Amino acid sequence: MSALIIKRNIEAPDDAYDLLLSAHQGLSKKESDALNARLILKLFNHVGDIKAIWGAIEVART
């Protein structure tokens, strides 16, 4: 099991944020919500560690 990384761990956070915003451009609320759901599931699959995923959920909810 890998520990959840909660400190900044991305080389270009502004670029990542811009990517996310651009992915949602032109989408309706329903389409945007669906994109977020698919993206989350893809990232869950990439992480692959259910304890890390649960930890991320807990951190995000606080």
PDB file of N, CA and C in Angstrom:
ATOM      1  N   MET A   1       0.836  -1.178   0.000  1.00  0.00           N
ATOM      2  CA  MET A   1       0.000   0.000   0.000  1.00  0.00           C
ATOM      3  C   MET A   1       0.880   1.239   0.000  1.00  0.00           C
ATOM      4  N   SER A   2       0.562   2.167  -0.883  1.00  0.00           N
ATOM      5  CA  SER A   2       1.285   3.431  -0.897  1.00  0.00           C
ATOM      6  C   SER A   2       0.537   4.449  -0.059  1.00  0.00           C
ATOM      7  N   ALA A   3       1.297   5.317   0.585  1.00  0.00           N
ATOM      8  CA  ALA A   3       0.679   6.356   1.412  1.00  0.00           C
ATOM      9  C   ALA A   3       0.083   7.435   0.515  1.00  0.00           C
ATOM     10  N   LEU A   4      -0.998   8.014   0.978  1.00  0.00           N
ATOM     11  CA  LEU A   4      -1.625   9.095   0.243  1.00  0.00           C
ATOM     12  C   LEU A   4      -0.736  10.324   0.319  1.00  0.00           C
ATOM     13  N   ILE A   5      -0.437  10.897  -0.815  1.00  0.00           N
ATOM     14  CA  ILE A   5       0.361  12.120  -0.884  1.00  0.00           C
ATOM     15  C   ILE A   5      -0.614  13.292  -0.835  1.00  0.00           C
ATOM     16  N   ILE A   6      -0.528  14.108   0.222  1.00  0.00           N
ATOM     17  CA  ILE A   6      -1.462  15.222   0.341  1.00  0.00           C
ATOM     18  C   ILE A   6      -0.787  16.575   0.126  1.00  0.00           C
ATOM     19  N   LYS A   7       0.541  16.591   0.082  1.00  0.00           N
ATOM     20  CA  LYS A   7       1.213  17.849  -0.246  1.00  0.00           C
ATOM     21  C   LYS A   7       1.308  17.957  -1.764  1.00  0.00           C
ATOM     22  N   ARG A   8       1.550  19.153  -2.266  1.00  0.00           N
ATOM     23  CA  ARG A   8       1.616  19.357  -3.710  1.00  0.00           C
ATOM     24  C   ARG A   8       2.639  18.393  -4.318  1.00  0.00           C
ATOM     25  N   ASN A   9       2.192  17.675  -5.322  1.00  0.00           N
ATOM     26  CA  ASN A   9       3.036  16.653  -5.944  1.00  0.00           C
ATOM     27  C   ASN A   9       2.925  16.729  -7.462  1.00  0.00           C
ATOM     28  N   ILE A  10       2.664  17.896  -7.968  1.00  0.00           N
ATOM     29  CA  ILE A  10       2.508  18.055  -9.400  1.00  0.00           C
ATOM     30  C   ILE A  10       3.428  19.178  -9.850  1.00  0.00           C
ATOM     31  N   GLU A  11       4.131  18.922 -10.928  1.00  0.00           N
ATOM     32  CA  GLU A  11       5.150  19.857 -11.393  1.00  0.00           C
ATOM     33  C   GLU A  11       4.571  21.201 -11.825  1.00  0.00           C
ATOM     34  N   ALA A  12       3.448  21.190 -12.502  1.00  0.00           N
ATOM     35  CA  ALA A  12       2.852  22.421 -13.028  1.00  0.00           C
ATOM     36  C   ALA A  12       1.363  22.452 -12.673  1.00  0.00           C
ATOM     37  N   PRO A  13       1.034  22.782 -11.420  1.00  0.00           N
ATOM     38  CA  PRO A  13      -0.368  22.732 -11.001  1.00  0.00           C
ATOM     39  C   PRO A  13      -1.270  23.666 -11.800  1.00  0.00           C
ATOM     40  N   ASP A  14      -0.785  24.823 -12.171  1.00  0.00           N
ATOM     41  CA  ASP A  14      -1.615  25.744 -12.957  1.00  0.00           C
ATOM     42  C   ASP A  14      -1.940  25.153 -14.322  1.00  0.00           C
ATOM     43  N   ASP A  15      -0.963  24.491 -14.924  1.00  0.00           N
ATOM     44  CA  ASP A  15      -1.194  23.841 -16.219  1.00  0.00           C
ATOM     45  C   ASP A  15      -2.217  22.713 -16.084  1.00  0.00           C
ATOM     46  N   ALA A  16      -2.121  21.947 -14.999  1.00  0.00           N
ATOM     47  CA  ALA A  16      -3.072  20.858 -14.768  1.00  0.00           C
ATOM     48  C   ALA A  16      -4.483  21.417 -14.584  1.00  0.00           C
ATOM     49  N   TYR A  17      -4.591  22.503 -13.851  1.00  0.00           N
ATOM     50  CA  TYR A  17      -5.895  23.138 -13.641  1.00  0.00           C
ATOM     51  C   TYR A  17      -6.454  23.644 -14.971  1.00  0.00           C
ATOM     52  N   ASP A  18      -5.600  24.258 -15.777  1.00  0.00           N
ATOM     53  CA  ASP A  18      -6.033  24.730 -17.099  1.00  0.00           C
ATOM     54  C   ASP A  18      -6.511  23.578 -17.973  1.00  0.00           C
ATOM     55  N   LEU A  19      -5.829  22.423 -17.894  1.00  0.00           N
ATOM     56  CA  LEU A  19      -6.263  21.238 -18.644  1.00  0.00           C
ATOM     57  C   LEU A  19      -7.669  20.820 -18.229  1.00  0.00           C
ATOM     58  N   LEU A  20      -7.895  20.818 -16.924  1.00  0.00           N
ATOM     59  CA  LEU A  20      -9.207  20.428 -16.417  1.00  0.00           C
ATOM     60  C   LEU A  20     -10.286  21.402 -16.883  1.00  0.00           C
ATOM     61  N   LEU A  21     -10.004  22.688 -16.769  1.00  0.00           N
ATOM     62  CA  LEU A  21     -10.978  23.680 -17.217  1.00  0.00           C
ATOM     63  C   LEU A  21     -11.265  23.555 -18.709  1.00  0.00           C
ATOM     64  N   SER A  22     -10.229  23.372 -19.505  1.00  0.00           N
ATOM     65  CA  SER A  22     -10.427  23.279 -20.953  1.00  0.00           C
ATOM     66  C   SER A  22     -11.196  22.018 -21.335  1.00  0.00           C
ATOM     67  N   ALA A  23     -11.035  20.948 -20.555  1.00  0.00           N
ATOM     68  CA  ALA A  23     -11.769  19.712 -20.830  1.00  0.00           C
ATOM     69  C   ALA A  23     -13.276  19.919 -20.668  1.00  0.00           C
ATOM     70  N   HIS A  24     -13.662  20.885 -19.837  1.00  0.00           N
ATOM     71  CA  HIS A  24     -15.076  21.141 -19.559  1.00  0.00           C
ATOM     72  C   HIS A  24     -15.684  22.222 -20.453  1.00  0.00           C
ATOM     73  N   GLN A  25     -14.844  22.868 -21.221  1.00  0.00           N
ATOM     74  CA  GLN A  25     -15.334  23.954 -22.070  1.00  0.00           C
ATOM     75  C   GLN A  25     -16.404  23.462 -23.035  1.00  0.00           C
ATOM     76  N   GLY A  26     -17.505  24.176 -23.093  1.00  0.00           N
ATOM     77  CA  GLY A  26     -18.570  23.862 -24.026  1.00  0.00           C
ATOM     78  C   GLY A  26     -19.496  22.738 -23.595  1.00  0.00           C
ATOM     79  N   LEU A  27     -19.254  22.165 -22.430  1.00  0.00           N
ATOM     80  CA  LEU A  27     -20.094  21.067 -21.958  1.00  0.00           C
ATOM     81  C   LEU A  27     -21.242  21.604 -21.119  1.00  0.00           C
ATOM     82  N   SER A  28     -22.361  20.915 -21.175  1.00  0.00           N
ATOM     83  CA  SER A  28     -23.473  21.233 -20.284  1.00  0.00           C
ATOM     84  C   SER A  28     -23.108  20.753 -18.877  1.00  0.00           C
ATOM     85  N   LYS A  29     -23.903  21.139 -17.886  1.00  0.00           N
ATOM     86  CA  LYS A  29     -23.679  20.688 -16.514  1.00  0.00           C
ATOM     87  C   LYS A  29     -23.703  19.164 -16.441  1.00  0.00           C
ATOM     88  N   LYS A  30     -24.660  18.554 -17.112  1.00  0.00           N
ATOM     89  CA  LYS A  30     -24.776  17.091 -17.114  1.00  0.00           C
ATOM     90  C   LYS A  30     -23.543  16.451 -17.757  1.00  0.00           C
ATOM     91  N   GLU A  31     -23.104  16.986 -18.884  1.00  0.00           N
ATOM     92  CA  GLU A  31     -21.916  16.454 -19.564  1.00  0.00           C
ATOM     93  C   GLU A  31     -20.659  16.667 -18.720  1.00  0.00           C
ATOM     94  N   SER A  32     -20.574  17.815 -18.056  1.00  0.00           N
ATOM     95  CA  SER A  32     -19.436  18.113 -17.196  1.00  0.00           C
ATOM     96  C   SER A  32     -19.379  17.163 -16.003  1.00  0.00           C
ATOM     97  N   ASP A  33     -20.529  16.917 -15.400  1.00  0.00           N
ATOM     98  CA  ASP A  33     -20.596  15.974 -14.282  1.00  0.00           C
ATOM     99  C   ASP A  33     -20.183  14.567 -14.730  1.00  0.00           C
ATOM    100  N   ALA A  34     -20.626  14.168 -15.915  1.00  0.00           N
ATOM    101  CA  ALA A  34     -20.271  12.843 -16.447  1.00  0.00           C
ATOM    102  C   ALA A  34     -18.770  12.757 -16.720  1.00  0.00           C
ATOM    103  N   LEU A  35     -18.202  13.828 -17.257  1.00  0.00           N
ATOM    104  CA  LEU A  35     -16.750  13.858 -17.490  1.00  0.00           C
ATOM    105  C   LEU A  35     -16.002  13.716 -16.177  1.00  0.00           C
ATOM    106  N   ASN A  36     -16.432  14.457 -15.152  1.00  0.00           N
ATOM    107  CA  ASN A  36     -15.783  14.344 -13.840  1.00  0.00           C
ATOM    108  C   ASN A  36     -15.860  12.925 -13.301  1.00  0.00           C
ATOM    109  N   ALA A  37     -17.011  12.295 -13.430  1.00  0.00           N
ATOM    110  CA  ALA A  37     -17.170  10.920 -12.940  1.00  0.00           C
ATOM    111  C   ALA A  37     -16.232   9.966 -13.675  1.00  0.00           C
ATOM    112  N   ARG A  38     -16.166  10.088 -15.004  1.00  0.00           N
ATOM    113  CA  ARG A  38     -15.278   9.212 -15.774  1.00  0.00           C
ATOM    114  C   ARG A  38     -13.816   9.470 -15.425  1.00  0.00           C
ATOM    115  N   LEU A  39     -13.457  10.737 -15.253  1.00  0.00           N
ATOM    116  CA  LEU A  39     -12.088  11.087 -14.902  1.00  0.00           C
ATOM    117  C   LEU A  39     -11.710  10.515 -13.541  1.00  0.00           C
ATOM    118  N   ILE A  40     -12.600  10.652 -12.577  1.00  0.00           N
ATOM    119  CA  ILE A  40     -12.343  10.102 -11.240  1.00  0.00           C
ATOM    120  C   ILE A  40     -12.142   8.592 -11.311  1.00  0.00           C
ATOM    121  N   LEU A  41     -12.998   7.902 -12.052  1.00  0.00           N
ATOM    122  CA  LEU A  41     -12.864   6.443 -12.163  1.00  0.00           C
ATOM    123  C   LEU A  41     -11.560   6.052 -12.846  1.00  0.00           C
ATOM    124  N   LYS A  42     -11.149   6.800 -13.866  1.00  0.00           N
ATOM    125  CA  LYS A  42      -9.875   6.517 -14.538  1.00  0.00           C
ATOM    126  C   LYS A  42      -8.709   6.720 -13.575  1.00  0.00           C
ATOM    127  N   LEU A  43      -8.768   7.789 -12.783  1.00  0.00           N
ATOM    128  CA  LEU A  43      -7.693   8.049 -11.827  1.00  0.00           C
ATOM    129  C   LEU A  43      -7.698   7.022 -10.691  1.00  0.00           C
ATOM    130  N   PHE A  44      -8.882   6.601 -10.242  1.00  0.00           N
ATOM    131  CA  PHE A  44      -8.963   5.519  -9.255  1.00  0.00           C
ATOM    132  C   PHE A  44      -8.264   4.278  -9.787  1.00  0.00           C
ATOM    133  N   ASN A  45      -8.557   3.938 -11.032  1.00  0.00           N
ATOM    134  CA  ASN A  45      -7.940   2.763 -11.645  1.00  0.00           C
ATOM    135  C   ASN A  45      -6.426   2.921 -11.709  1.00  0.00           C
ATOM    136  N   HIS A  46      -5.965   4.102 -12.033  1.00  0.00           N
ATOM    137  CA  HIS A  46      -4.525   4.361 -12.126  1.00  0.00           C
ATOM    138  C   HIS A  46      -3.865   4.205 -10.758  1.00  0.00           C
ATOM    139  N   VAL A  47      -4.501   4.745  -9.720  1.00  0.00           N
ATOM    140  CA  VAL A  47      -3.956   4.644  -8.364  1.00  0.00           C
ATOM    141  C   VAL A  47      -3.964   3.185  -7.925  1.00  0.00           C
ATOM    142  N   GLY A  48      -5.104   2.527  -8.073  1.00  0.00           N
ATOM    143  CA  GLY A  48      -5.205   1.102  -7.810  1.00  0.00           C
ATOM    144  C   GLY A  48      -5.178   0.685  -6.347  1.00  0.00           C
ATOM    145  N   ASP A  49      -5.000   1.593  -5.436  1.00  0.00           N
ATOM    146  CA  ASP A  49      -4.877   1.276  -4.016  1.00  0.00           C
ATOM    147  C   ASP A  49      -6.121   1.799  -3.295  1.00  0.00           C
ATOM    148  N   ILE A  50      -7.008   0.894  -2.892  1.00  0.00           N
ATOM    149  CA  ILE A  50      -8.283   1.286  -2.310  1.00  0.00           C
ATOM    150  C   ILE A  50      -8.099   2.095  -1.032  1.00  0.00           C
ATOM    151  N   LYS A  51      -7.067   1.813  -0.249  1.00  0.00           N
ATOM    152  CA  LYS A  51      -6.833   2.583   0.973  1.00  0.00           C
ATOM    153  C   LYS A  51      -6.417   4.012   0.636  1.00  0.00           C
ATOM    154  N   ALA A  52      -5.601   4.180  -0.383  1.00  0.00           N
ATOM    155  CA  ALA A  52      -5.208   5.530  -0.810  1.00  0.00           C
ATOM    156  C   ALA A  52      -6.422   6.276  -1.366  1.00  0.00           C
ATOM    157  N   ILE A  53      -7.255   5.577  -2.121  1.00  0.00           N
ATOM    158  CA  ILE A  53      -8.466   6.200  -2.668  1.00  0.00           C
ATOM    159  C   ILE A  53      -9.381   6.637  -1.530  1.00  0.00           C
ATOM    160  N   TRP A  54      -9.590   5.763  -0.553  1.00  0.00           N
ATOM    161  CA  TRP A  54     -10.437   6.111   0.589  1.00  0.00           C
ATOM    162  C   TRP A  54      -9.840   7.295   1.343  1.00  0.00           C
ATOM    163  N   GLY A  55      -8.522   7.301   1.520  1.00  0.00           N
ATOM    164  CA  GLY A  55      -7.870   8.426   2.183  1.00  0.00           C
ATOM    165  C   GLY A  55      -8.091   9.723   1.437  1.00  0.00           C
ATOM    166  N   ALA A  56      -8.029   9.679   0.111  1.00  0.00           N
ATOM    167  CA  ALA A  56      -8.255  10.873  -0.701  1.00  0.00           C
ATOM    168  C   ALA A  56      -9.692  11.366  -0.547  1.00  0.00           C
ATOM    169  N   ILE A  57     -10.629  10.442  -0.490  1.00  0.00           N
ATOM    170  CA  ILE A  57     -12.031  10.811  -0.299  1.00  0.00           C
ATOM    171  C   ILE A  57     -12.210  11.493   1.052  1.00  0.00           C
ATOM    172  N   GLU A  58     -11.614  10.921   2.080  1.00  0.00           N
ATOM    173  CA  GLU A  58     -11.722  11.509   3.422  1.00  0.00           C
ATOM    174  C   GLU A  58     -11.132  12.915   3.457  1.00  0.00           C
ATOM    175  N   VAL A  59      -9.965  13.103   2.861  1.00  0.00           N
ATOM    176  CA  VAL A  59      -9.327  14.421   2.826  1.00  0.00           C
ATOM    177  C   VAL A  59     -10.190  15.409   2.060  1.00  0.00           C
ATOM    178  N   ALA A  60     -10.744  14.971   0.923  1.00  0.00           N
ATOM    179  CA  ALA A  60     -11.556  15.852   0.099  1.00  0.00           C
ATOM    180  C   ALA A  60     -12.846  16.271   0.792  1.00  0.00           C
ATOM    181  N   ARG A  61     -13.356  15.429   1.650  1.00  0.00           N
ATOM    182  CA  ARG A  61     -14.619  15.748   2.335  1.00  0.00           C
ATOM    183  C   ARG A  61     -14.425  16.710   3.495  1.00  0.00           C
ATOM    184  N   THR A  62     -13.205  16.900   3.942  1.00  0.00           N
ATOM    185  CA  THR A  62     -12.964  17.790   5.104  1.00  0.00           C
ATOM    186  C   THR A  62     -12.627  19.186   4.661  1.00  0.00           C
TER     187      THR A  62
END
